[in-house]
């Protein structure tokens, strides 16, 4: 894929698969769909604006809304992004505690 996208040289990204996938009804379904998307590059957001649910469009940050990762939490809170209520605990983001690639998943995960 690197040879197709950038001639074998590391580039800034390859969005060829991202655009059609973002328009699918099943986009990120296993992870909560569009309600889990909190940041997207401005140019990509404009390209797939028709796929983003209207009620979420203004709640998803871009590099213009949140130029630093530290600004993102305040943006999401201010806009009332669903991730704040549905997935944060006590109003704060909680990092996922995932096993390393060589470790087994715990029996009680997701309970």
PDB file of N, CA and C in Angstrom:
ATOM      1  N   UNK A   1       0.831  -1.189   0.000  1.00  0.00           N
ATOM      2  CA  UNK A   1       0.000   0.000   0.000  1.00  0.00           C
ATOM      3  C   UNK A   1       0.881   1.260   0.000  1.00  0.00           C
ATOM      4  N   UNK A   2       2.013   1.208   0.703  1.00  0.00           N
ATOM      5  CA  UNK A   2       2.890   2.375   0.737  1.00  0.00           C
ATOM      6  C   UNK A   2       3.348   2.760  -0.661  1.00  0.00           C
ATOM      7  N   UNK A   3       3.647   1.762  -1.485  1.00  0.00           N
ATOM      8  CA  UNK A   3       4.091   2.042  -2.849  1.00  0.00           C
ATOM      9  C   UNK A   3       2.979   2.685  -3.668  1.00  0.00           C
ATOM     10  N   UNK A   4       1.733   2.256  -3.450  1.00  0.00           N
ATOM     11  CA  UNK A   4       0.593   2.844  -4.165  1.00  0.00           C
ATOM     12  C   UNK A   4       0.348   4.279  -3.743  1.00  0.00           C
ATOM     13  N   UNK A   5       0.407   4.523  -2.454  1.00  0.00           N
ATOM     14  CA  UNK A   5       0.032   5.833  -1.925  1.00  0.00           C
ATOM     15  C   UNK A   5       1.126   6.870  -2.074  1.00  0.00           C
ATOM     16  N   UNK A   6       2.356   6.480  -1.794  1.00  0.00           N
ATOM     17  CA  UNK A   6       3.419   7.481  -1.723  1.00  0.00           C
ATOM     18  C   UNK A   6       4.677   7.095  -2.470  1.00  0.00           C
ATOM     19  N   UNK A   7       4.601   6.121  -3.330  1.00  0.00           N
ATOM     20  CA  UNK A   7       5.783   5.698  -4.073  1.00  0.00           C
ATOM     21  C   UNK A   7       6.826   5.050  -3.183  1.00  0.00           C
ATOM     22  N   UNK A   8       6.374   4.434  -2.067  1.00  0.00           N
ATOM     23  CA  UNK A   8       7.300   3.766  -1.169  1.00  0.00           C
ATOM     24  C   UNK A   8       7.920   4.681  -0.131  1.00  0.00           C
ATOM     25  N   UNK A   9       7.573   5.943  -0.154  1.00  0.00           N
ATOM     26  CA  UNK A   9       8.100   6.904   0.805  1.00  0.00           C
ATOM     27  C   UNK A   9       7.003   7.221   1.812  1.00  0.00           C
ATOM     28  N   UNK A  10       7.393   7.344   3.083  1.00  0.00           N
ATOM     29  CA  UNK A  10       6.399   7.652   4.101  1.00  0.00           C
ATOM     30  C   UNK A  10       5.768   9.008   3.811  1.00  0.00           C
ATOM     31  N   UNK A  11       4.442   9.048   3.845  1.00  0.00           N
ATOM     32  CA  UNK A  11       3.721  10.289   3.573  1.00  0.00           C
ATOM     33  C   UNK A  11       2.868  10.694   4.757  1.00  0.00           C
ATOM     34  N   UNK A  12       2.015  11.667   4.550  1.00  0.00           N
ATOM     35  CA  UNK A  12       1.175  12.184   5.622  1.00  0.00           C
ATOM     36  C   UNK A  12      -0.124  11.418   5.798  1.00  0.00           C
ATOM     37  N   UNK A  13      -0.366  10.409   5.027  1.00  0.00           N
ATOM     38  CA  UNK A  13      -1.577   9.627   5.180  1.00  0.00           C
ATOM     39  C   UNK A  13      -2.147   9.211   3.848  1.00  0.00           C
ATOM     40  N   UNK A  14      -2.976   8.209   3.921  1.00  0.00           N
ATOM     41  CA  UNK A  14      -3.600   7.661   2.721  1.00  0.00           C
ATOM     42  C   UNK A  14      -5.074   7.517   3.024  1.00  0.00           C
ATOM     43  N   UNK A  15      -5.913   8.327   2.411  1.00  0.00           N
ATOM     44  CA  UNK A  15      -7.339   8.349   2.732  1.00  0.00           C
ATOM     45  C   UNK A  15      -8.180   7.610   1.707  1.00  0.00           C
ATOM     46  N   UNK A  16      -7.593   6.878   0.823  1.00  0.00           N
ATOM     47  CA  UNK A  16      -8.345   6.206  -0.226  1.00  0.00           C
ATOM     48  C   UNK A  16      -9.434   5.291   0.292  1.00  0.00           C
ATOM     49  N   UNK A  17      -9.170   4.554   1.357  1.00  0.00           N
ATOM     50  CA  UNK A  17     -10.163   3.632   1.912  1.00  0.00           C
ATOM     51  C   UNK A  17     -11.058   4.330   2.922  1.00  0.00           C
ATOM     52  N   UNK A  18     -10.602   5.385   3.524  1.00  0.00           N
ATOM     53  CA  UNK A  18     -11.346   6.052   4.589  1.00  0.00           C
ATOM     54  C   UNK A  18     -12.628   6.712   4.085  1.00  0.00           C
ATOM     55  N   UNK A  19     -12.596   7.314   2.937  1.00  0.00           N
ATOM     56  CA  UNK A  19     -13.745   8.067   2.445  1.00  0.00           C
ATOM     57  C   UNK A  19     -14.933   7.161   2.134  1.00  0.00           C
ATOM     58  N   UNK A  20     -14.782   6.106   1.361  1.00  0.00           N
ATOM     59  CA  UNK A  20     -15.943   5.232   1.128  1.00  0.00           C
ATOM     60  C   UNK A  20     -16.438   4.560   2.414  1.00  0.00           C
ATOM     61  N   UNK A  21     -15.521   4.156   3.277  1.00  0.00           N
ATOM     62  CA  UNK A  21     -15.905   3.493   4.519  1.00  0.00           C
ATOM     63  C   UNK A  21     -16.705   4.429   5.421  1.00  0.00           C
ATOM     64  N   UNK A  22     -16.340   5.697   5.466  1.00  0.00           N
ATOM     65  CA  UNK A  22     -17.057   6.664   6.306  1.00  0.00           C
ATOM     66  C   UNK A  22     -18.495   6.858   5.849  1.00  0.00           C
ATOM     67  N   UNK A  23     -18.779   6.553   4.609  1.00  0.00           N
ATOM     68  CA  UNK A  23     -20.140   6.711   4.085  1.00  0.00           C
ATOM     69  C   UNK A  23     -21.001   5.462   4.286  1.00  0.00           C
ATOM     70  N   UNK A  24     -20.419   4.382   4.766  1.00  0.00           N
ATOM     71  CA  UNK A  24     -21.169   3.148   5.000  1.00  0.00           C
ATOM     72  C   UNK A  24     -22.074   3.290   6.219  1.00  0.00           C
ATOM     73  N   UNK A  25     -23.247   2.664   6.175  1.00  0.00           N
ATOM     74  CA  UNK A  25     -24.158   2.682   7.327  1.00  0.00           C
ATOM     75  C   UNK A  25     -23.551   1.973   8.527  1.00  0.00           C
ATOM     76  N   UNK A  26     -22.631   1.053   8.274  1.00  0.00           N
ATOM     77  CA  UNK A  26     -22.010   0.289   9.347  1.00  0.00           C
ATOM     78  C   UNK A  26     -20.701   0.909   9.841  1.00  0.00           C
ATOM     79  N   UNK A  27     -20.422   2.150   9.489  1.00  0.00           N
ATOM     80  CA  UNK A  27     -19.177   2.823   9.875  1.00  0.00           C
ATOM     81  C   UNK A  27     -18.977   2.775  11.389  1.00  0.00           C
ATOM     82  N   UNK A  28     -17.917   2.147  11.805  1.00  0.00           N
ATOM     83  CA  UNK A  28     -17.520   2.055  13.215  1.00  0.00           C
ATOM     84  C   UNK A  28     -18.634   1.523  14.128  1.00  0.00           C
ATOM     85  N   UNK A  29     -19.539   0.734  13.587  1.00  0.00           N
ATOM     86  CA  UNK A  29     -20.694   0.254  14.343  1.00  0.00           C
ATOM     87  C   UNK A  29     -20.280  -0.440  15.639  1.00  0.00           C
ATOM     88  N   UNK A  30     -19.255  -1.250  15.604  1.00  0.00           N
ATOM     89  CA  UNK A  30     -18.807  -1.975  16.794  1.00  0.00           C
ATOM     90  C   UNK A  30     -18.257  -1.081  17.883  1.00  0.00           C
ATOM     91  N   UNK A  31     -17.862   0.131  17.537  1.00  0.00           N
ATOM     92  CA  UNK A  31     -17.289   1.058  18.514  1.00  0.00           C
ATOM     93  C   UNK A  31     -18.214   2.215  18.866  1.00  0.00           C
ATOM     94  N   UNK A  32     -19.434   2.207  18.374  1.00  0.00           N
ATOM     95  CA  UNK A  32     -20.355   3.293  18.703  1.00  0.00           C
ATOM     96  C   UNK A  32     -20.665   4.212  17.540  1.00  0.00           C
ATOM     97  N   UNK A  33     -20.141   3.922  16.363  1.00  0.00           N
ATOM     98  CA  UNK A  33     -20.454   4.722  15.178  1.00  0.00           C
ATOM     99  C   UNK A  33     -19.914   6.140  15.261  1.00  0.00           C
ATOM    100  N   UNK A  34     -20.616   7.036  14.628  1.00  0.00           N
ATOM    101  CA  UNK A  34     -20.183   8.440  14.579  1.00  0.00           C
ATOM    102  C   UNK A  34     -20.120   9.082  15.953  1.00  0.00           C
ATOM    103  N   UNK A  35     -20.845   8.546  16.923  1.00  0.00           N
ATOM    104  CA  UNK A  35     -20.817   9.130  18.269  1.00  0.00           C
ATOM    105  C   UNK A  35     -19.464   8.965  18.947  1.00  0.00           C
ATOM    106  N   UNK A  36     -18.615   8.105  18.432  1.00  0.00           N
ATOM    107  CA  UNK A  36     -17.279   7.924  19.013  1.00  0.00           C
ATOM    108  C   UNK A  36     -16.220   8.759  18.297  1.00  0.00           C
ATOM    109  N   UNK A  37     -16.559   9.378  17.181  1.00  0.00           N
ATOM    110  CA  UNK A  37     -15.588  10.202  16.450  1.00  0.00           C
ATOM    111  C   UNK A  37     -15.562  11.588  17.094  1.00  0.00           C
ATOM    112  N   UNK A  38     -14.411  11.973  17.605  1.00  0.00           N
ATOM    113  CA  UNK A  38     -14.305  13.253  18.305  1.00  0.00           C
ATOM    114  C   UNK A  38     -13.436  14.267  17.569  1.00  0.00           C
ATOM    115  N   UNK A  39     -12.578  13.804  16.661  1.00  0.00           N
ATOM    116  CA  UNK A  39     -11.669  14.698  15.934  1.00  0.00           C
ATOM    117  C   UNK A  39     -11.468  14.136  14.544  1.00  0.00           C
ATOM    118  N   UNK A  40     -11.446  15.019  13.567  1.00  0.00           N
ATOM    119  CA  UNK A  40     -11.210  14.610  12.184  1.00  0.00           C
ATOM    120  C   UNK A  40     -10.553  15.793  11.457  1.00  0.00           C
ATOM    121  N   UNK A  41      -9.688  15.511  10.511  1.00  0.00           N
ATOM    122  CA  UNK A  41      -9.014  16.583   9.774  1.00  0.00           C
ATOM    123  C   UNK A  41     -10.056  17.402   9.005  1.00  0.00           C
ATOM    124  N   UNK A  42      -9.887  18.691   8.988  1.00  0.00           N
ATOM    125  CA  UNK A  42     -10.849  19.615   8.372  1.00  0.00           C
ATOM    126  C   UNK A  42     -11.158  19.265   6.914  1.00  0.00           C
ATOM    127  N   UNK A  43     -10.135  18.962   6.125  1.00  0.00           N
ATOM    128  CA  UNK A  43     -10.386  18.667   4.709  1.00  0.00           C
ATOM    129  C   UNK A  43     -11.184  17.373   4.538  1.00  0.00           C
ATOM    130  N   UNK A  44     -10.891  16.363   5.355  1.00  0.00           N
ATOM    131  CA  UNK A  44     -11.651  15.117   5.288  1.00  0.00           C
ATOM    132  C   UNK A  44     -13.079  15.335   5.771  1.00  0.00           C
ATOM    133  N   UNK A  45     -13.243  16.125   6.798  1.00  0.00           N
ATOM    134  CA  UNK A  45     -14.589  16.416   7.316  1.00  0.00           C
ATOM    135  C   UNK A  45     -15.457  17.065   6.238  1.00  0.00           C
ATOM    136  N   UNK A  46     -14.872  17.959   5.470  1.00  0.00           N
ATOM    137  CA  UNK A  46     -15.615  18.597   4.373  1.00  0.00           C
ATOM    138  C   UNK A  46     -15.938  17.593   3.266  1.00  0.00           C
ATOM    139  N   UNK A  47     -15.005  16.683   2.984  1.00  0.00           N
ATOM    140  CA  UNK A  47     -15.213  15.693   1.929  1.00  0.00           C
ATOM    141  C   UNK A  47     -16.336  14.718   2.269  1.00  0.00           C
ATOM    142  N   UNK A  48     -16.479  14.399   3.543  1.00  0.00           N
ATOM    143  CA  UNK A  48     -17.481  13.405   3.939  1.00  0.00           C
ATOM    144  C   UNK A  48     -18.622  14.029   4.742  1.00  0.00           C
ATOM    145  N   UNK A  49     -18.822  15.311   4.576  1.00  0.00           N
ATOM    146  CA  UNK A  49     -19.871  16.017   5.329  1.00  0.00           C
ATOM    147  C   UNK A  49     -21.243  15.358   5.156  1.00  0.00           C
ATOM    148  N   UNK A  50     -21.513  14.827   3.985  1.00  0.00           N
ATOM    149  CA  UNK A  50     -22.803  14.194   3.728  1.00  0.00           C
ATOM    150  C   UNK A  50     -22.984  12.899   4.521  1.00  0.00           C
ATOM    151  N   UNK A  51     -21.900  12.304   4.998  1.00  0.00           N
ATOM    152  CA  UNK A  51     -21.970  11.051   5.744  1.00  0.00           C
ATOM    153  C   UNK A  51     -22.080  11.256   7.248  1.00  0.00           C
ATOM    154  N   UNK A  52     -21.645  12.405   7.726  1.00  0.00           N
ATOM    155  CA  UNK A  52     -21.675  12.691   9.167  1.00  0.00           C
ATOM    156  C   UNK A  52     -23.090  13.096   9.563  1.00  0.00           C
ATOM    157  N   UNK A  53     -23.657  12.452  10.582  1.00  0.00           N
ATOM    158  CA  UNK A  53     -25.000  12.835  11.014  1.00  0.00           C
ATOM    159  C   UNK A  53     -25.061  14.335  11.334  1.00  0.00           C
ATOM    160  N   UNK A  54     -26.099  14.978  10.856  1.00  0.00           N
ATOM    161  CA  UNK A  54     -26.229  16.432  10.991  1.00  0.00           C
ATOM    162  C   UNK A  54     -26.099  16.899  12.436  1.00  0.00           C
ATOM    163  N   UNK A  55     -26.676  16.136  13.366  1.00  0.00           N
ATOM    164  CA  UNK A  55     -26.645  16.550  14.771  1.00  0.00           C
ATOM    165  C   UNK A  55     -25.249  16.417  15.398  1.00  0.00           C
ATOM    166  N   UNK A  56     -24.334  15.729  14.724  1.00  0.00           N
ATOM    167  CA  UNK A  56     -22.977  15.565  15.242  1.00  0.00           C
ATOM    168  C   UNK A  56     -21.936  16.414  14.521  1.00  0.00           C
ATOM    169  N   UNK A  57     -22.259  16.911  13.360  1.00  0.00           N
ATOM    170  CA  UNK A  57     -21.274  17.595  12.523  1.00  0.00           C
ATOM    171  C   UNK A  57     -20.506  18.680  13.294  1.00  0.00           C
ATOM    172  N   UNK A  58     -21.207  19.572  13.963  1.00  0.00           N
ATOM    173  CA  UNK A  58     -20.552  20.673  14.678  1.00  0.00           C
ATOM    174  C   UNK A  58     -19.906  20.232  15.988  1.00  0.00           C
ATOM    175  N   UNK A  59     -20.174  19.022  16.423  1.00  0.00           N
ATOM    176  CA  UNK A  59     -19.626  18.515  17.683  1.00  0.00           C
ATOM    177  C   UNK A  59     -18.318  17.758  17.482  1.00  0.00           C
ATOM    178  N   UNK A  60     -17.959  17.501  16.236  1.00  0.00           N
ATOM    179  CA  UNK A  60     -16.705  16.812  15.924  1.00  0.00           C
ATOM    180  C   UNK A  60     -15.646  17.863  15.627  1.00  0.00           C
ATOM    181  N   UNK A  61     -14.577  17.839  16.400  1.00  0.00           N
ATOM    182  CA  UNK A  61     -13.526  18.852  16.293  1.00  0.00           C
ATOM    183  C   UNK A  61     -12.626  18.610  15.084  1.00  0.00           C
ATOM    184  N   UNK A  62     -11.962  19.679  14.666  1.00  0.00           N
ATOM    185  CA  UNK A  62     -10.933  19.624  13.629  1.00  0.00           C
ATOM    186  C   UNK A  62      -9.682  20.301  14.185  1.00  0.00           C
ATOM    187  N   UNK A  63      -8.635  20.338  13.380  1.00  0.00           N
ATOM    188  CA  UNK A  63      -7.410  21.016  13.819  1.00  0.00           C
ATOM    189  C   UNK A  63      -7.635  22.517  13.998  1.00  0.00           C
ATOM    190  N   UNK A  64      -8.686  23.040  13.442  1.00  0.00           N
ATOM    191  CA  UNK A  64      -9.005  24.463  13.612  1.00  0.00           C
ATOM    192  C   UNK A  64      -9.695  24.690  14.955  1.00  0.00           C
ATOM    193  N   UNK A  65     -10.610  23.784  15.315  1.00  0.00           N
ATOM    194  CA  UNK A  65     -11.334  23.891  16.586  1.00  0.00           C
ATOM    195  C   UNK A  65     -10.455  23.537  17.774  1.00  0.00           C
ATOM    196  N   UNK A  66      -9.595  22.569  17.593  1.00  0.00           N
ATOM    197  CA  UNK A  66      -8.779  22.040  18.683  1.00  0.00           C
ATOM    198  C   UNK A  66      -7.364  21.784  18.166  1.00  0.00           C
ATOM    199  N   UNK A  67      -6.560  22.834  18.068  1.00  0.00           N
ATOM    200  CA  UNK A  67      -5.217  22.664  17.506  1.00  0.00           C
ATOM    201  C   UNK A  67      -4.282  21.820  18.364  1.00  0.00           C
ATOM    202  N   UNK A  68      -4.555  21.722  19.646  1.00  0.00           N
ATOM    203  CA  UNK A  68      -3.748  20.907  20.558  1.00  0.00           C
ATOM    204  C   UNK A  68      -4.652  19.860  21.196  1.00  0.00           C
ATOM    205  N   UNK A  69      -4.097  18.701  21.442  1.00  0.00           N
ATOM    206  CA  UNK A  69      -4.874  17.622  22.076  1.00  0.00           C
ATOM    207  C   UNK A  69      -5.449  18.086  23.413  1.00  0.00           C
ATOM    208  N   UNK A  70      -4.728  18.940  24.106  1.00  0.00           N
ATOM    209  CA  UNK A  70      -5.188  19.425  25.408  1.00  0.00           C
ATOM    210  C   UNK A  70      -6.481  20.250  25.292  1.00  0.00           C
ATOM    211  N   UNK A  71      -6.746  20.824  24.121  1.00  0.00           N
ATOM    212  CA  UNK A  71      -7.949  21.641  23.915  1.00  0.00           C
ATOM    213  C   UNK A  71      -9.185  20.799  23.595  1.00  0.00           C
ATOM    214  N   UNK A  72      -8.979  19.556  23.220  1.00  0.00           N
ATOM    215  CA  UNK A  72     -10.080  18.725  22.738  1.00  0.00           C
ATOM    216  C   UNK A  72     -11.128  18.455  23.809  1.00  0.00           C
ATOM    217  N   UNK A  73     -10.706  18.153  25.011  1.00  0.00           N
ATOM    218  CA  UNK A  73     -11.652  17.847  26.092  1.00  0.00           C
ATOM    219  C   UNK A  73     -12.620  19.007  26.316  1.00  0.00           C
ATOM    220  N   UNK A  74     -12.107  20.219  26.370  1.00  0.00           N
ATOM    221  CA  UNK A  74     -12.957  21.394  26.580  1.00  0.00           C
ATOM    222  C   UNK A  74     -13.925  21.584  25.410  1.00  0.00           C
ATOM    223  N   UNK A  75     -13.448  21.368  24.185  1.00  0.00           N
ATOM    224  CA  UNK A  75     -14.299  21.502  22.997  1.00  0.00           C
ATOM    225  C   UNK A  75     -15.464  20.521  23.059  1.00  0.00           C
ATOM    226  N   UNK A  76     -15.163  19.259  23.355  1.00  0.00           N
ATOM    227  CA  UNK A  76     -16.203  18.226  23.403  1.00  0.00           C
ATOM    228  C   UNK A  76     -17.237  18.520  24.488  1.00  0.00           C
ATOM    229  N   UNK A  77     -16.770  18.982  25.624  1.00  0.00           N
ATOM    230  CA  UNK A  77     -17.668  19.348  26.720  1.00  0.00           C
ATOM    231  C   UNK A  77     -18.563  20.524  26.323  1.00  0.00           C
ATOM    232  N   UNK A  78     -17.947  21.546  25.738  1.00  0.00           N
ATOM    233  CA  UNK A  78     -18.677  22.752  25.330  1.00  0.00           C
ATOM    234  C   UNK A  78     -19.745  22.435  24.287  1.00  0.00           C
ATOM    235  N   UNK A  79     -19.413  21.590  23.328  1.00  0.00           N
ATOM    236  CA  UNK A  79     -20.344  21.266  22.238  1.00  0.00           C
ATOM    237  C   UNK A  79     -21.374  20.212  22.633  1.00  0.00           C
ATOM    238  N   UNK A  80     -21.171  19.533  23.758  1.00  0.00           N
ATOM    239  CA  UNK A  80     -22.101  18.495  24.174  1.00  0.00           C
ATOM    240  C   UNK A  80     -21.989  17.228  23.338  1.00  0.00           C
ATOM    241  N   UNK A  81     -20.760  16.860  22.991  1.00  0.00           N
ATOM    242  CA  UNK A  81     -20.544  15.648  22.199  1.00  0.00           C
ATOM    243  C   UNK A  81     -21.032  14.430  22.997  1.00  0.00           C
ATOM    244  N   UNK A  82     -21.708  13.478  22.348  1.00  0.00           N
ATOM    245  CA  UNK A  82     -22.237  12.303  23.053  1.00  0.00           C
ATOM    246  C   UNK A  82     -21.182  11.467  23.775  1.00  0.00           C
ATOM    247  N   UNK A  83     -19.938  11.534  23.354  1.00  0.00           N
ATOM    248  CA  UNK A  83     -18.893  10.745  24.006  1.00  0.00           C
ATOM    249  C   UNK A  83     -18.737  11.160  25.466  1.00  0.00           C
ATOM    250  N   UNK A  84     -19.018  12.414  25.782  1.00  0.00           N
ATOM    251  CA  UNK A  84     -18.867  12.908  27.150  1.00  0.00           C
ATOM    252  C   UNK A  84     -19.829  12.186  28.094  1.00  0.00           C
ATOM    253  N   UNK A  85     -21.091  12.081  27.708  1.00  0.00           N
ATOM    254  CA  UNK A  85     -22.098  11.435  28.547  1.00  0.00           C
ATOM    255  C   UNK A  85     -22.043   9.914  28.485  1.00  0.00           C
ATOM    256  N   UNK A  86     -21.836   9.374  27.317  1.00  0.00           N
ATOM    257  CA  UNK A  86     -21.949   7.927  27.132  1.00  0.00           C
ATOM    258  C   UNK A  86     -20.700   7.144  27.506  1.00  0.00           C
ATOM    259  N   UNK A  87     -19.527   7.708  27.321  1.00  0.00           N
ATOM    260  CA  UNK A  87     -18.318   6.914  27.454  1.00  0.00           C
ATOM    261  C   UNK A  87     -17.326   7.416  28.498  1.00  0.00           C
ATOM    262  N   UNK A  88     -17.459   8.649  28.947  1.00  0.00           N
ATOM    263  CA  UNK A  88     -16.568   9.139  29.988  1.00  0.00           C
ATOM    264  C   UNK A  88     -17.132   8.753  31.346  1.00  0.00           C
ATOM    265  N   UNK A  89     -16.292   8.676  32.338  1.00  0.00           N
ATOM    266  CA  UNK A  89     -16.738   8.356  33.696  1.00  0.00           C
ATOM    267  C   UNK A  89     -16.515   9.571  34.585  1.00  0.00           C
ATOM    268  N   UNK A  90     -17.568   9.953  35.296  1.00  0.00           N
ATOM    269  CA  UNK A  90     -17.518  11.131  36.182  1.00  0.00           C
ATOM    270  C   UNK A  90     -17.076  12.369  35.408  1.00  0.00           C
ATOM    271  N   UNK A  91     -17.505  12.468  34.144  1.00  0.00           N
ATOM    272  CA  UNK A  91     -17.217  13.648  33.333  1.00  0.00           C
ATOM    273  C   UNK A  91     -15.801  13.757  32.822  1.00  0.00           C
ATOM    274  N   UNK A  92     -15.025  12.687  32.898  1.00  0.00           N
ATOM    275  CA  UNK A  92     -13.640  12.722  32.447  1.00  0.00           C
ATOM    276  C   UNK A  92     -13.361  11.554  31.501  1.00  0.00           C
ATOM    277  N   UNK A  93     -12.526  11.752  30.499  1.00  0.00           N
ATOM    278  CA  UNK A  93     -12.155  10.634  29.635  1.00  0.00           C
ATOM    279  C   UNK A  93     -11.375   9.592  30.438  1.00  0.00           C
ATOM    280  N   UNK A  94     -11.622   8.340  30.126  1.00  0.00           N
ATOM    281  CA  UNK A  94     -10.949   7.243  30.825  1.00  0.00           C
ATOM    282  C   UNK A  94     -10.174   6.428  29.790  1.00  0.00           C
ATOM    283  N   UNK A  95      -8.872   6.294  29.988  1.00  0.00           N
ATOM    284  CA  UNK A  95      -8.101   5.500  29.037  1.00  0.00           C
ATOM    285  C   UNK A  95      -8.529   4.035  29.095  1.00  0.00           C
ATOM    286  N   UNK A  96      -8.509   3.383  27.955  1.00  0.00           N
ATOM    287  CA  UNK A  96      -8.834   1.966  27.901  1.00  0.00           C
ATOM    288  C   UNK A  96      -7.668   1.167  28.470  1.00  0.00           C
ATOM    289  N   UNK A  97      -7.993   0.171  29.254  1.00  0.00           N
ATOM    290  CA  UNK A  97      -6.986  -0.713  29.812  1.00  0.00           C
ATOM    291  C   UNK A  97      -6.991  -1.987  28.980  1.00  0.00           C
ATOM    292  N   UNK A  98      -6.204  -1.992  27.928  1.00  0.00           N
ATOM    293  CA  UNK A  98      -6.182  -3.110  26.998  1.00  0.00           C
ATOM    294  C   UNK A  98      -4.922  -3.944  27.192  1.00  0.00           C
ATOM    295  N   UNK A  99      -5.036  -5.249  26.965  1.00  0.00           N
ATOM    296  CA  UNK A  99      -3.838  -6.089  27.077  1.00  0.00           C
ATOM    297  C   UNK A  99      -2.873  -5.826  25.926  1.00  0.00           C
ATOM    298  N   UNK A 100      -1.619  -6.131  26.171  1.00  0.00           N
ATOM    299  CA  UNK A 100      -0.607  -6.018  25.122  1.00  0.00           C
ATOM    300  C   UNK A 100      -0.910  -7.045  24.037  1.00  0.00           C
ATOM    301  N   UNK A 101      -0.404  -6.851  22.826  1.00  0.00           N
ATOM    302  CA  UNK A 101      -0.700  -7.776  21.732  1.00  0.00           C
ATOM    303  C   UNK A 101      -0.408  -9.243  22.049  1.00  0.00           C
ATOM    304  N   UNK A 102       0.533  -9.520  22.920  1.00  0.00           N
ATOM    305  CA  UNK A 102       0.871 -10.912  23.233  1.00  0.00           C
ATOM    306  C   UNK A 102       0.115 -11.457  24.447  1.00  0.00           C
ATOM    307  N   UNK A 103      -0.709 -10.627  25.088  1.00  0.00           N
ATOM    308  CA  UNK A 103      -1.436 -11.057  26.286  1.00  0.00           C
ATOM    309  C   UNK A 103      -2.872 -11.429  25.950  1.00  0.00           C
ATOM    310  N   UNK A 104      -3.459 -12.289  26.776  1.00  0.00           N
ATOM    311  CA  UNK A 104      -4.863 -12.659  26.625  1.00  0.00           C
ATOM    312  C   UNK A 104      -5.764 -11.570  27.178  1.00  0.00           C
ATOM    313  N   UNK A 105      -6.992 -11.499  26.636  1.00  0.00           N
ATOM    314  CA  UNK A 105      -7.974 -10.564  27.149  1.00  0.00           C
ATOM    315  C   UNK A 105      -8.534 -11.092  28.466  1.00  0.00           C
ATOM    316  N   UNK A 106      -8.782 -10.230  29.438  1.00  0.00           N
ATOM    317  CA  UNK A 106      -9.347 -10.672  30.717  1.00  0.00           C
ATOM    318  C   UNK A 106     -10.757 -11.236  30.509  1.00  0.00           C
ATOM    319  N   UNK A 107     -11.155 -12.135  31.382  1.00  0.00           N
ATOM    320  CA  UNK A 107     -12.481 -12.765  31.292  1.00  0.00           C
ATOM    321  C   UNK A 107     -13.608 -11.750  31.474  1.00  0.00           C
ATOM    322  N   UNK A 108     -13.388 -10.756  32.329  1.00  0.00           N
ATOM    323  CA  UNK A 108     -14.462  -9.814  32.679  1.00  0.00           C
ATOM    324  C   UNK A 108     -14.474  -8.538  31.832  1.00  0.00           C
ATOM    325  N   UNK A 109     -13.757  -8.499  30.743  1.00  0.00           N
ATOM    326  CA  UNK A 109     -13.703  -7.284  29.912  1.00  0.00           C
ATOM    327  C   UNK A 109     -15.098  -6.936  29.387  1.00  0.00           C
ATOM    328  N   UNK A 110     -15.458  -5.694  29.507  1.00  0.00           N
ATOM    329  CA  UNK A 110     -16.747  -5.207  29.001  1.00  0.00           C
ATOM    330  C   UNK A 110     -17.917  -5.488  29.908  1.00  0.00           C
ATOM    331  N   UNK A 111     -17.676  -5.962  31.120  1.00  0.00           N
ATOM    332  CA  UNK A 111     -18.786  -6.249  32.043  1.00  0.00           C
ATOM    333  C   UNK A 111     -18.954  -5.156  33.041  1.00  0.00           C
TER     334      UNK A 111
END
